[in-house]
Amino acid sequence: MQSLFKIAAVLMAVCLAGGAWARDLVIGISQFPSNFHPSIDSMLAKSYVLGLTQRPFTVFDRRWELVCMLCTELPTFENGKAVAEEAPGGKRGVALTYTIRPDARWGDGTPVTTRDVLFTWEVGRHPKSGVGNAEMYRRMWKLDIVDERTFVIHDEKLGFNYNAINDFRVLPEHLERKVFAADPETYRNRTLFDTDPTNPGLAFGPYRIARVVPGSQIVLERNPTWWGAVPVFERIVIKAIENTTALEANLLSGEIDMIEGSAGLSLDQALAFERRHGDRFRVFYKPGLVYEHLDVMLDNPALADRRVRQALLYGLDREAMSRKLFAGRQPVADTFVHPLDWIHTDEVRRYVHDPAQAAALLDAAGWKPGQGGLRRNAAGEPLRLELMTTAGNRSRELVEQVLQSQWRQLGIEVAIKNEPPRVFFGETVSKRKFGSLALFAWISSPENPPRSTLHSQEIPSEANGWSGQNYAGFRNARMDELIDAIEGELDRDKRKALWHELQRLYAEELPALPLFFQAEAHIWPRWLSGIEPTGHMAPVTSWVENWRDARP
């Protein structure tokens, strides 16, 4: 009898530690990650997974405030951990002291130390490693190791967001150094995050990857070395269902428990779903810094002409699209800066639906109405464009059809060619293989300078290991100057003026064609609570330990 009481006590302890009798949570998303490396390729689905398995040094929280996660304290000038200094070339730089949490350990028990920090810095600074935010590492001209947990970053640029190192995603030196050292130029294709993703030493978050079914699902289990509150779910299964109609069907059948808002149902689907099933599920709409747009391939001779880009935008009735497809919940975008962001300005060139203006611009650019109703240049070549997006995303496919139809009325032929998300993001977009237009969304943090996406030094190429995210190939000297000036301006009012000029330049030059700002539709079972979407690029999984299961 006594032994039975002991067993009951143990079971009760397990129950209290892990929530109401440890359960699984099955999450549906519309993408499968192109890879699991935290710094190679930018993709929503991957960020969502890494929110479960890792923690950044710094991050913007749901209140849009910068906080520490892997570090113990934000360095500031007030606490003495940020110190202005002269950087090479006489630049105004800053020295930043960070300390790693003393209880941070990789999933194999190895402590997270400054050896990992130094290795991450070395990978980031290698010109052909393929990391996305290579510019951040280039700015960090020196790294001092103080001890096992403390390090000093010397940044050559003292900017307003000087202590935000959100993209410095630490790598496990004890596992990855050997792979990187073998051949840095092919590292992106040989990293253990791809070849051995279930290795526990790759994770130091609440969960670690236990099993991967490529293109289908990722099974994560609790990480025993996690330092924080024990998450309520013993396992989380992420199922990738790239067709959003099938994603909804899987939710209704019980194959999945919830649908992630940042990579889930389109807004029109969510609105219809709520009308039919609002008694069973909670649908939460979160407006945020999610910019739906068309990246323009500026190497395409037709699209290199600004007048053609402007004509394409004048030829679209985006207001009608927002009303008919999204019940007006997704406002039309004039630039990439959301009205919720304090730096936003309305004083930019605005492209209301004006087919006559669009036609005049095309005429001026040398594209005249011709045979077959298509506009043709002086050589008789028709104006033909290729439009690509993520296959299976019903919302984007509907938008594509509208774009195709409205541009056909201007005499422009548009061919639609979609791909699975992991191919579209992992190969086509990241390596600039799209011929004309790529439809997708950027998710940003508050007041986020667009260096990676708009600066001329951030154009991916084979020579730089496909680093950078300026997929359009946009080159504009004044844009470069404004980005540099914004990053280095500490005065809030002066910075605001620079931001306003940048937005006006963006609206004139149109390196991308703005469409809408998304409102994410999160769909949760009514027994699930504690999820707090941020409205920006930090995934909700970064706070998974706060999620709660109210089932009896």
Protein backbone atom coordinates (compact mmCIF):
# COMPACT_ATOMS: atom_id res chain seq x y z
CA MET A 1 0.00 0.00 0.00
CA GLN A 2 2.83 2.35 0.90
CA SER A 3 4.46 1.77 -2.51
CA LEU A 4 1.15 2.62 -4.21
CA PHE A 5 1.05 5.93 -2.38
CA LYS A 6 4.62 6.61 -3.53
CA ILE A 7 3.68 5.89 -7.16
CA ALA A 8 0.65 8.18 -6.88
CA ALA A 9 2.84 10.94 -5.44
CA VAL A 10 5.31 10.62 -8.30
CA LEU A 11 2.53 10.73 -10.88
CA MET A 12 1.04 13.79 -9.22
CA ALA A 13 4.43 15.50 -9.28
CA VAL A 14 4.75 14.77 -13.00
CA CYS A 15 1.26 16.10 -13.56
CA LEU A 16 1.99 19.34 -11.71
CA ALA A 17 5.32 19.85 -13.44
CA GLY A 18 4.01 19.29 -16.93
CA GLY A 19 0.42 20.47 -16.72
CA ALA A 20 -2.73 18.38 -16.72
CA TRP A 21 -1.41 14.88 -17.60
CA ALA A 22 1.23 15.62 -20.20
CA ARG A 23 -0.32 15.89 -23.68
CA ASP A 24 0.80 16.60 -27.20
CA LEU A 25 -0.11 19.73 -29.12
CA VAL A 26 -0.41 19.46 -32.90
CA ILE A 27 0.03 22.71 -34.81
CA GLY A 28 -0.76 23.22 -38.48
CA ILE A 29 1.23 25.61 -40.65
CA SER A 30 1.23 26.22 -44.39
CA GLN A 31 5.00 25.99 -44.92
CA PHE A 32 7.80 23.54 -44.26
CA PRO A 33 11.19 25.09 -43.42
CA SER A 34 13.76 25.15 -46.20
CA ASN A 35 16.35 24.35 -43.51
CA PHE A 36 16.79 24.65 -39.73
CA HIS A 37 19.92 26.80 -39.56
CA PRO A 38 19.07 29.97 -37.59
CA SER A 39 21.06 32.31 -39.86
CA ILE A 40 20.70 30.84 -43.35
CA ASP A 41 17.58 31.71 -45.37
CA SER A 42 14.74 33.75 -43.92
CA MET A 43 11.42 31.92 -43.64
CA LEU A 44 8.39 32.14 -41.35
CA ALA A 45 8.09 28.43 -40.75
CA LYS A 46 11.70 28.16 -39.65
CA SER A 47 11.39 31.12 -37.26
CA TYR A 48 8.35 29.42 -35.74
CA VAL A 49 10.28 26.18 -35.12
CA LEU A 50 13.36 27.97 -33.77
CA GLY A 51 11.12 29.81 -31.30
CA LEU A 52 10.64 26.40 -29.69
CA THR A 53 14.24 25.19 -29.84
CA GLN A 54 16.37 28.30 -29.28
CA ARG A 55 16.38 31.77 -27.76
CA PRO A 56 17.95 34.93 -29.22
CA PHE A 57 20.15 37.17 -27.10
CA THR A 58 17.69 40.05 -27.52
CA VAL A 59 14.15 40.31 -28.90
CA PHE A 60 11.23 42.70 -29.11
CA ASP A 61 8.37 41.42 -26.96
CA ARG A 62 4.60 41.73 -27.43
CA ARG A 63 4.76 45.32 -26.09
CA TRP A 64 7.38 46.06 -28.79
CA GLU A 65 10.02 46.61 -26.12
CA LEU A 66 13.55 45.21 -26.40
CA VAL A 67 14.28 42.54 -23.77
CA CYS A 68 17.01 40.00 -22.99
CA MET A 69 16.43 36.30 -23.50
CA LEU A 70 19.81 34.57 -23.67
CA CYS A 71 21.62 37.49 -22.02
CA THR A 72 21.30 38.54 -18.39
CA GLU A 73 20.98 42.31 -18.94
CA LEU A 74 20.71 44.72 -21.86
CA PRO A 75 23.85 46.85 -22.18
CA THR A 76 23.03 50.55 -21.93
CA PHE A 77 24.99 53.75 -21.44
CA GLU A 78 23.21 54.14 -18.11
CA ASN A 79 24.43 50.84 -16.67
CA GLY A 80 27.90 51.24 -18.14
CA LYS A 81 27.73 48.12 -20.32
CA ALA A 82 27.56 50.25 -23.47
CA VAL A 83 30.47 52.59 -24.10
CA ALA A 84 30.95 54.87 -27.10
CA GLU A 85 34.31 54.44 -28.79
CA GLU A 86 36.20 55.23 -31.96
CA ALA A 87 36.08 52.44 -34.51
CA PRO A 88 38.47 51.81 -37.42
CA GLY A 89 38.44 54.58 -40.00
CA GLY A 90 37.49 57.16 -37.39
CA LYS A 91 33.89 55.91 -37.22
CA ARG A 92 31.71 56.46 -34.18
CA GLY A 93 31.33 53.01 -32.69
CA VAL A 94 30.19 51.34 -29.50
CA ALA A 95 31.45 48.57 -27.21
CA LEU A 96 28.69 46.35 -25.82
CA THR A 97 29.12 43.93 -22.94
CA TYR A 98 26.77 40.93 -22.80
CA THR A 99 26.68 38.06 -20.33
CA ILE A 100 25.15 34.70 -21.24
CA ARG A 101 22.65 33.28 -18.78
CA PRO A 102 24.60 31.01 -16.38
CA ASP A 103 22.02 28.21 -16.69
CA ALA A 104 21.93 28.10 -20.52
CA ARG A 105 22.89 24.66 -21.86
CA TRP A 106 22.63 22.93 -25.20
CA GLY A 107 20.36 19.91 -25.32
CA ASP A 108 23.31 17.53 -24.94
CA GLY A 109 24.28 19.19 -21.65
CA THR A 110 27.13 21.31 -23.02
CA PRO A 111 27.05 24.84 -21.54
CA VAL A 112 26.34 27.73 -23.91
CA THR A 113 29.54 29.77 -23.66
CA THR A 114 31.55 32.49 -25.32
CA ARG A 115 33.22 29.78 -27.44
CA ASP A 116 29.86 29.50 -29.20
CA VAL A 117 29.65 33.29 -29.50
CA LEU A 118 33.12 33.55 -31.03
CA PHE A 119 32.38 30.74 -33.49
CA THR A 120 29.07 32.33 -34.50
CA TRP A 121 30.87 35.62 -35.14
CA GLU A 122 33.48 33.86 -37.29
CA VAL A 123 30.79 32.16 -39.39
CA GLY A 124 28.85 35.41 -39.77
CA ARG A 125 31.93 37.32 -40.94
CA HIS A 126 33.04 34.76 -43.50
CA PRO A 127 32.24 36.26 -46.94
CA LYS A 128 30.80 33.02 -48.33
CA SER A 129 29.13 31.38 -45.34
CA GLY A 130 25.66 32.26 -46.67
CA VAL A 131 24.26 33.92 -43.53
CA GLY A 132 21.32 36.22 -44.11
CA ASN A 133 22.32 39.28 -42.06
CA ALA A 134 25.99 39.36 -43.03
CA GLU A 135 26.10 43.15 -42.66
CA MET A 136 25.52 42.90 -38.91
CA TYR A 137 28.57 40.68 -38.54
CA ARG A 138 30.67 42.90 -40.79
CA ARG A 139 29.91 45.85 -38.49
CA MET A 140 31.12 43.86 -35.48
CA TRP A 141 34.80 44.52 -36.22
CA LYS A 142 36.13 42.98 -32.99
CA LEU A 143 34.94 40.54 -30.36
CA ASP A 144 36.58 40.34 -26.93
CA ILE A 145 36.10 37.28 -24.74
CA VAL A 146 36.10 38.23 -21.05
CA ASP A 147 35.34 34.80 -19.62
CA GLU A 148 33.18 31.72 -20.28
CA ARG A 149 29.98 33.77 -20.12
CA THR A 150 30.88 37.40 -20.83
CA PHE A 151 31.93 38.98 -24.12
CA VAL A 152 32.28 42.44 -25.62
CA ILE A 153 31.06 43.28 -29.14
CA HIS A 154 32.80 46.21 -30.81
CA ASP A 155 30.37 47.62 -33.37
CA GLU A 156 31.74 50.15 -35.82
CA LYS A 157 28.39 51.93 -35.93
CA LEU A 158 26.74 53.56 -32.92
CA GLY A 159 23.06 53.55 -33.85
CA PHE A 160 19.73 54.11 -32.18
CA ASN A 161 19.20 50.34 -31.84
CA TYR A 162 22.78 49.80 -30.69
CA ASN A 163 22.01 47.07 -28.15
CA ALA A 164 19.59 45.00 -30.28
CA ILE A 165 21.46 41.93 -31.53
CA ASN A 166 18.31 39.96 -32.37
CA ASP A 167 19.91 38.36 -35.44
CA PHE A 168 23.01 37.14 -33.58
CA ARG A 169 21.75 33.54 -33.35
CA VAL A 170 24.32 31.54 -31.44
CA LEU A 171 25.63 28.29 -32.97
CA PRO A 172 26.99 25.23 -31.10
CA GLU A 173 30.75 25.46 -31.54
CA HIS A 174 31.36 21.97 -30.20
CA LEU A 175 29.32 20.48 -33.05
CA GLU A 176 29.45 22.91 -35.96
CA ARG A 177 33.07 24.07 -35.98
CA LYS A 178 34.34 20.87 -37.58
CA VAL A 179 31.69 21.10 -40.31
CA PHE A 180 32.42 24.77 -41.00
CA ALA A 181 36.20 24.38 -40.95
CA ALA A 182 36.10 21.60 -43.56
CA ASP A 183 34.89 24.05 -46.23
CA PRO A 184 33.31 27.39 -45.25
CA GLU A 185 32.07 28.03 -48.78
CA THR A 186 29.84 24.93 -48.79
CA TYR A 187 28.94 25.11 -45.10
CA ARG A 188 25.37 26.19 -45.78
CA ASN A 189 24.75 22.84 -47.50
CA ARG A 190 26.49 20.66 -44.89
CA THR A 191 25.47 22.16 -41.54
CA LEU A 192 24.22 19.69 -38.92
CA PHE A 193 21.01 21.72 -38.73
CA ASP A 194 20.23 20.07 -42.07
CA THR A 195 22.13 16.78 -42.00
CA ASP A 196 21.40 15.89 -38.36
CA PRO A 197 18.52 18.14 -37.17
CA THR A 198 17.55 15.78 -34.32
CA ASN A 199 20.96 16.15 -32.66
CA PRO A 200 20.03 17.40 -29.15
CA GLY A 201 23.12 19.61 -29.08
CA LEU A 202 21.55 21.96 -31.62
CA ALA A 203 18.83 23.16 -29.23
CA PHE A 204 18.79 25.12 -26.01
CA GLY A 205 15.15 26.21 -25.85
CA PRO A 206 12.14 24.56 -24.15
CA TYR A 207 12.01 21.90 -26.89
CA ARG A 208 14.36 20.00 -29.19
CA ILE A 209 13.65 18.35 -32.52
CA ALA A 210 13.05 14.62 -32.06
CA ARG A 211 11.97 13.62 -35.57
CA VAL A 212 11.66 15.22 -39.00
CA VAL A 213 9.56 13.95 -41.86
CA PRO A 214 10.82 16.17 -44.71
CA GLY A 215 8.09 18.30 -46.22
CA SER A 216 5.51 16.92 -43.80
CA GLN A 217 6.05 17.28 -40.07
CA ILE A 218 8.44 18.09 -37.25
CA VAL A 219 8.13 16.38 -33.88
CA LEU A 220 9.56 18.26 -30.91
CA GLU A 221 9.90 17.02 -27.35
CA ARG A 222 10.72 18.76 -24.09
CA ASN A 223 14.37 19.67 -23.71
CA PRO A 224 15.61 18.44 -20.30
CA THR A 225 18.36 21.10 -20.20
CA TRP A 226 15.94 24.03 -20.61
CA TRP A 227 16.44 26.58 -17.83
CA GLY A 228 12.98 28.16 -17.69
CA ALA A 229 9.47 27.12 -16.71
CA VAL A 230 8.59 23.61 -17.85
CA PRO A 231 6.25 23.86 -20.86
CA VAL A 232 2.86 22.23 -20.39
CA PHE A 233 3.04 20.01 -23.49
CA GLU A 234 5.34 17.02 -23.50
CA ARG A 235 5.51 17.02 -27.29
CA ILE A 236 4.64 19.55 -29.97
CA VAL A 237 4.06 18.30 -33.49
CA ILE A 238 4.20 20.80 -36.33
CA LYS A 239 2.45 19.59 -39.46
CA ALA A 240 3.10 21.37 -42.74
CA ILE A 241 0.01 21.39 -44.95
CA GLU A 242 0.80 23.72 -47.81
CA ASN A 243 -2.74 23.79 -49.20
CA THR A 244 -4.69 26.09 -46.87
CA THR A 245 -8.04 24.47 -47.71
CA ALA A 246 -6.61 21.13 -46.60
CA LEU A 247 -5.19 22.87 -43.53
CA GLU A 248 -8.70 23.92 -42.50
CA ALA A 249 -10.04 20.41 -43.15
CA ASN A 250 -7.36 18.92 -40.91
CA LEU A 251 -8.35 21.26 -38.09
CA LEU A 252 -12.01 20.32 -38.33
CA SER A 253 -11.21 16.61 -38.43
CA GLY A 254 -9.06 16.84 -35.31
CA GLU A 255 -5.80 15.93 -37.06
CA ILE A 256 -4.36 19.22 -35.80
CA ASP A 257 -5.31 21.29 -32.75
CA MET A 258 -4.58 24.82 -33.96
CA ILE A 259 -3.43 26.86 -36.95
CA GLU A 260 -0.58 29.33 -36.63
CA GLY A 261 -1.59 32.82 -37.75
CA SER A 262 1.64 33.92 -39.40
CA ALA A 263 1.69 30.87 -41.71
CA GLY A 264 -1.86 29.60 -41.76
CA LEU A 265 -5.27 30.40 -43.23
CA SER A 266 -5.76 33.44 -45.38
CA LEU A 267 -7.85 36.19 -43.85
CA ASP A 268 -10.87 35.48 -46.04
CA GLN A 269 -10.75 31.82 -45.04
CA ALA A 270 -10.45 32.71 -41.37
CA LEU A 271 -13.44 35.06 -41.51
CA ALA A 272 -15.58 32.37 -43.12
CA PHE A 273 -14.25 29.78 -40.68
CA GLU A 274 -15.18 31.94 -37.70
CA ARG A 275 -18.75 32.35 -38.96
CA ARG A 276 -19.16 28.58 -39.22
CA HIS A 277 -17.11 27.29 -36.28
CA GLY A 278 -16.69 30.15 -33.83
CA ASP A 279 -18.37 28.07 -31.12
CA ARG A 280 -15.58 25.46 -31.23
CA PHE A 281 -12.53 27.62 -31.90
CA ARG A 282 -11.26 31.03 -31.01
CA VAL A 283 -10.19 33.17 -33.97
CA PHE A 284 -7.88 36.00 -32.99
CA TYR A 285 -6.96 38.72 -35.50
CA LYS A 286 -3.64 40.46 -34.92
CA PRO A 287 -2.68 43.44 -37.06
CA GLY A 288 1.04 43.83 -37.36
CA LEU A 289 4.23 44.53 -39.24
CA VAL A 290 3.57 42.01 -42.01
CA TYR A 291 4.09 43.57 -45.43
CA GLU A 292 2.57 41.69 -48.38
CA HIS A 293 4.25 42.86 -51.57
CA LEU A 294 5.73 41.92 -54.91
CA ASP A 295 9.51 41.80 -55.10
CA VAL A 296 10.50 43.09 -58.54
CA MET A 297 13.39 41.53 -60.47
CA LEU A 298 15.20 44.69 -61.52
CA ASP A 299 17.56 42.71 -63.77
CA ASN A 300 14.55 42.28 -66.06
CA PRO A 301 14.94 45.06 -68.70
CA ALA A 302 11.23 45.90 -68.73
CA LEU A 303 10.98 46.16 -64.95
CA ALA A 304 14.22 48.11 -64.66
CA ASP A 305 12.24 51.09 -66.02
CA ARG A 306 10.64 52.87 -63.06
CA ARG A 307 7.74 54.01 -65.26
CA VAL A 308 6.75 50.38 -65.87
CA ARG A 309 6.80 49.64 -62.14
CA GLN A 310 4.66 52.67 -61.43
CA ALA A 311 2.26 51.70 -64.21
CA LEU A 312 1.85 48.24 -62.72
CA LEU A 313 0.79 49.76 -59.41
CA TYR A 314 -1.53 52.35 -60.97
CA GLY A 315 -3.16 49.49 -62.87
CA LEU A 316 -4.24 47.71 -59.67
CA ASP A 317 -7.38 48.36 -57.65
CA ARG A 318 -5.93 47.34 -54.30
CA GLU A 319 -8.74 48.94 -52.30
CA ALA A 320 -11.30 46.75 -54.07
CA MET A 321 -9.10 43.69 -53.51
CA SER A 322 -8.91 44.45 -49.80
CA ARG A 323 -12.69 44.82 -49.55
CA LYS A 324 -13.63 41.79 -51.61
CA LEU A 325 -10.94 39.35 -50.53
CA PHE A 326 -10.25 40.45 -46.95
CA ALA A 327 -13.40 42.26 -45.76
CA GLY A 328 -11.33 45.44 -45.54
CA ARG A 329 -9.22 44.06 -42.68
CA GLN A 330 -5.96 44.28 -44.63
CA PRO A 331 -5.18 47.96 -45.34
CA VAL A 332 -3.52 48.92 -48.59
CA ALA A 333 0.20 49.63 -48.17
CA ASP A 334 1.89 52.71 -49.63
CA THR A 335 5.37 51.59 -48.52
CA PHE A 336 6.81 48.86 -46.29
CA VAL A 337 6.34 50.97 -43.12
CA HIS A 338 3.14 50.09 -41.23
CA PRO A 339 0.89 52.90 -39.90
CA LEU A 340 1.25 51.34 -36.43
CA ASP A 341 4.97 52.13 -36.46
CA TRP A 342 5.79 55.60 -35.08
CA ILE A 343 8.07 56.38 -38.04
CA HIS A 344 5.24 56.05 -40.60
CA THR A 345 4.21 58.97 -42.80
CA ASP A 346 1.24 59.42 -45.15
CA GLU A 347 3.10 62.08 -47.15
CA VAL A 348 4.26 59.81 -49.94
CA ARG A 349 3.24 59.23 -53.53
CA ARG A 350 0.07 57.17 -53.48
CA TYR A 351 -1.05 54.87 -56.27
CA VAL A 352 -4.82 54.91 -56.48
CA HIS A 353 -6.39 52.83 -59.25
CA ASP A 354 -5.83 54.90 -62.40
CA PRO A 355 -5.71 52.85 -65.64
CA ALA A 356 -5.32 56.00 -67.74
CA GLN A 357 -2.21 57.07 -65.84
CA ALA A 358 -0.88 53.51 -66.08
CA ALA A 359 -1.40 53.50 -69.85
CA ALA A 360 0.33 56.87 -70.24
CA LEU A 361 3.37 55.65 -68.30
CA LEU A 362 3.60 52.50 -70.41
CA ASP A 363 3.35 54.57 -73.59
CA ALA A 364 6.15 56.83 -72.36
CA ALA A 365 8.28 53.79 -71.56
CA GLY A 366 7.94 52.59 -75.15
CA TRP A 367 5.35 49.87 -74.59
CA LYS A 368 2.58 50.67 -77.08
CA PRO A 369 -0.67 48.76 -77.76
CA GLY A 370 -0.06 46.19 -80.44
CA GLN A 371 -1.02 42.90 -82.02
CA GLY A 372 -3.16 40.58 -79.95
CA GLY A 373 -4.07 43.34 -77.51
CA LEU A 374 -0.61 43.17 -75.92
CA ARG A 375 1.72 46.09 -75.41
CA ARG A 376 4.91 45.76 -77.43
CA ASN A 377 8.22 47.57 -77.60
CA ALA A 378 9.87 49.00 -80.69
CA ALA A 379 11.22 45.55 -81.57
CA GLY A 380 7.70 44.11 -81.49
CA GLU A 381 8.32 42.08 -78.34
CA PRO A 382 5.25 41.72 -76.07
CA LEU A 383 5.28 42.83 -72.44
CA ARG A 384 5.17 39.47 -70.67
CA LEU A 385 5.79 38.96 -66.96
CA GLU A 386 6.07 35.91 -64.74
CA LEU A 387 4.34 35.97 -61.35
CA MET A 388 5.37 33.54 -58.60
CA THR A 389 4.29 32.80 -55.03
CA THR A 390 3.92 29.95 -52.55
CA ALA A 391 1.82 27.14 -54.03
CA GLY A 392 -1.24 26.14 -52.04
CA ASN A 393 -1.76 29.51 -50.36
CA ARG A 394 -5.35 30.20 -51.36
CA SER A 395 -5.22 33.91 -50.52
CA ARG A 396 -2.14 34.58 -52.60
CA GLU A 397 -3.44 32.51 -55.47
CA LEU A 398 -6.64 34.62 -55.48
CA VAL A 399 -4.57 37.81 -55.44
CA GLU A 400 -2.50 36.47 -58.34
CA GLN A 401 -5.63 35.94 -60.41
CA VAL A 402 -6.77 39.51 -59.78
CA LEU A 403 -3.34 40.89 -60.66
CA GLN A 404 -3.26 38.83 -63.83
CA SER A 405 -6.72 40.05 -64.86
CA GLN A 406 -6.18 43.74 -64.10
CA TRP A 407 -2.80 43.87 -65.82
CA ARG A 408 -4.24 42.04 -68.83
CA GLN A 409 -6.58 45.00 -69.24
CA LEU A 410 -3.49 47.18 -69.64
CA GLY A 411 -2.12 44.89 -72.35
CA ILE A 412 0.32 43.03 -70.12
CA GLU A 413 0.43 39.24 -70.25
CA VAL A 414 1.15 37.56 -66.91
CA ALA A 415 2.06 33.89 -66.52
CA ILE A 416 1.59 32.37 -63.06
CA LYS A 417 4.22 29.91 -61.88
CA ASN A 418 4.02 28.87 -58.23
CA GLU A 419 6.28 26.63 -56.15
CA PRO A 420 6.21 24.89 -52.77
CA PRO A 421 7.32 27.34 -50.05
CA ARG A 422 10.53 25.47 -49.24
CA VAL A 423 11.61 25.71 -52.90
CA PHE A 424 10.28 29.23 -53.45
CA PHE A 425 12.09 30.67 -50.42
CA GLY A 426 15.01 28.26 -50.18
CA GLU A 427 16.09 28.44 -53.82
CA THR A 428 14.12 30.70 -56.14
CA VAL A 429 13.88 33.89 -54.10
CA SER A 430 17.05 33.60 -52.02
CA LYS A 431 19.13 32.98 -55.16
CA ARG A 432 17.27 35.54 -57.29
CA LYS A 433 15.97 32.99 -59.77
CA PHE A 434 12.53 34.55 -60.29
CA GLY A 435 12.16 36.23 -63.66
CA SER A 436 9.78 39.09 -62.91
CA LEU A 437 7.63 39.26 -59.76
CA ALA A 438 7.67 37.33 -56.47
CA LEU A 439 4.66 37.62 -54.15
CA PHE A 440 5.38 37.12 -50.44
CA ALA A 441 5.51 38.97 -47.13
CA TRP A 442 8.24 40.56 -45.03
CA ILE A 443 7.78 40.51 -41.26
CA SER A 444 9.80 43.13 -39.43
CA SER A 445 10.45 44.40 -35.94
CA PRO A 446 9.47 47.94 -34.87
CA GLU A 447 11.51 50.70 -36.54
CA ASN A 448 13.58 48.23 -38.47
CA PRO A 449 16.04 49.83 -40.94
CA PRO A 450 15.72 47.99 -44.28
CA ARG A 451 19.44 47.47 -44.82
CA SER A 452 19.20 43.77 -45.62
CA THR A 453 16.39 44.27 -48.16
CA LEU A 454 17.19 47.62 -49.79
CA HIS A 455 20.89 48.46 -49.39
CA SER A 456 22.97 47.89 -52.51
CA GLN A 457 25.57 45.91 -50.55
CA GLU A 458 22.94 43.30 -49.62
CA ILE A 459 22.22 41.87 -53.08
CA PRO A 460 22.66 38.06 -52.93
CA SER A 461 25.05 36.52 -55.40
CA GLU A 462 27.15 33.42 -55.81
CA ALA A 463 30.21 35.54 -55.04
CA ASN A 464 28.92 36.43 -51.55
CA GLY A 465 27.45 33.02 -50.80
CA TRP A 466 23.89 34.31 -51.44
CA SER A 467 24.04 36.54 -48.36
CA GLY A 468 21.65 39.47 -48.07
CA GLN A 469 17.96 39.83 -48.82
CA ASN A 470 17.92 42.53 -51.49
CA TYR A 471 16.41 40.03 -53.89
CA ALA A 472 15.21 42.72 -56.31
CA GLY A 473 18.76 43.92 -56.94
CA PHE A 474 17.88 47.50 -55.99
CA ARG A 475 20.73 49.99 -56.26
CA ASN A 476 20.14 53.58 -55.23
CA ALA A 477 22.85 55.80 -53.74
CA ARG A 478 20.42 57.99 -51.81
CA MET A 479 18.67 54.96 -50.33
CA ASP A 480 22.05 53.67 -49.14
CA GLU A 481 22.81 57.06 -47.58
CA LEU A 482 19.46 57.22 -45.80
CA ILE A 483 19.79 53.71 -44.36
CA ASP A 484 23.30 54.53 -43.12
CA ALA A 485 22.11 57.84 -41.64
CA ILE A 486 19.06 56.34 -39.92
CA GLU A 487 21.09 53.62 -38.26
CA GLY A 488 23.56 56.14 -36.87
CA GLU A 489 21.13 58.89 -35.80
CA LEU A 490 20.38 58.89 -32.07
CA ASP A 491 18.14 61.98 -32.11
CA ARG A 492 14.55 60.75 -32.43
CA ASP A 493 13.19 63.79 -34.32
CA LYS A 494 16.07 63.85 -36.80
CA ARG A 495 15.70 60.12 -37.34
CA LYS A 496 11.98 60.55 -37.99
CA ALA A 497 12.70 63.07 -40.75
CA LEU A 498 15.14 60.66 -42.36
CA TRP A 499 12.58 57.86 -42.19
CA HIS A 500 10.00 60.07 -43.91
CA GLU A 501 12.41 60.85 -46.75
CA LEU A 502 13.20 57.16 -47.12
CA GLN A 503 9.51 56.31 -47.45
CA ARG A 504 9.00 59.02 -50.07
CA LEU A 505 11.96 57.67 -52.06
CA TYR A 506 10.63 54.12 -51.77
CA ALA A 507 7.20 55.17 -53.06
CA GLU A 508 8.81 56.88 -56.08
CA GLU A 509 11.31 54.20 -56.99
CA LEU A 510 9.19 51.13 -56.13
CA PRO A 511 11.90 48.50 -55.59
CA ALA A 512 8.89 46.39 -54.63
CA LEU A 513 5.20 46.83 -55.36
CA PRO A 514 3.29 47.37 -52.08
CA LEU A 515 0.04 45.47 -51.71
CA PHE A 516 -1.31 45.15 -48.13
CA PHE A 517 -0.46 44.94 -44.48
CA GLN A 518 -1.61 41.58 -43.26
CA ALA A 519 -3.76 40.90 -40.25
CA GLU A 520 -2.78 37.47 -38.96
CA ALA A 521 -5.69 35.14 -38.15
CA HIS A 522 -4.73 32.80 -35.31
CA ILE A 523 -7.08 29.87 -34.72
CA TRP A 524 -6.91 28.13 -31.35
CA PRO A 525 -9.02 25.54 -29.57
CA ARG A 526 -10.92 27.09 -26.68
CA TRP A 527 -8.96 25.03 -24.16
CA LEU A 528 -5.65 26.60 -25.19
CA SER A 529 -4.56 29.89 -23.61
CA GLY A 530 -1.46 31.97 -22.96
CA ILE A 531 -0.55 32.61 -26.60
CA GLU A 532 0.22 36.28 -27.21
CA PRO A 533 1.05 37.19 -30.84
CA THR A 534 3.54 40.04 -31.09
CA GLY A 535 2.46 41.59 -34.39
CA HIS A 536 6.07 41.59 -35.59
CA MET A 537 8.83 39.16 -36.53
CA ALA A 538 9.31 37.52 -33.11
CA PRO A 539 7.26 34.27 -33.29
CA VAL A 540 4.73 33.43 -30.57
CA THR A 541 6.66 30.23 -29.89
CA SER A 542 9.37 32.32 -28.23
CA TRP A 543 7.14 32.28 -25.16
CA VAL A 544 5.77 28.73 -25.47
CA GLU A 545 6.43 28.05 -21.77
CA ASN A 546 3.51 30.41 -21.02
CA TRP A 547 0.96 28.38 -23.01
CA ARG A 548 -1.70 26.61 -20.95
CA ASP A 549 -4.02 23.62 -21.47
CA ALA A 550 -7.39 24.03 -19.74
CA ARG A 551 -8.77 20.60 -20.62
CA PRO A 552 -9.90 18.61 -17.57
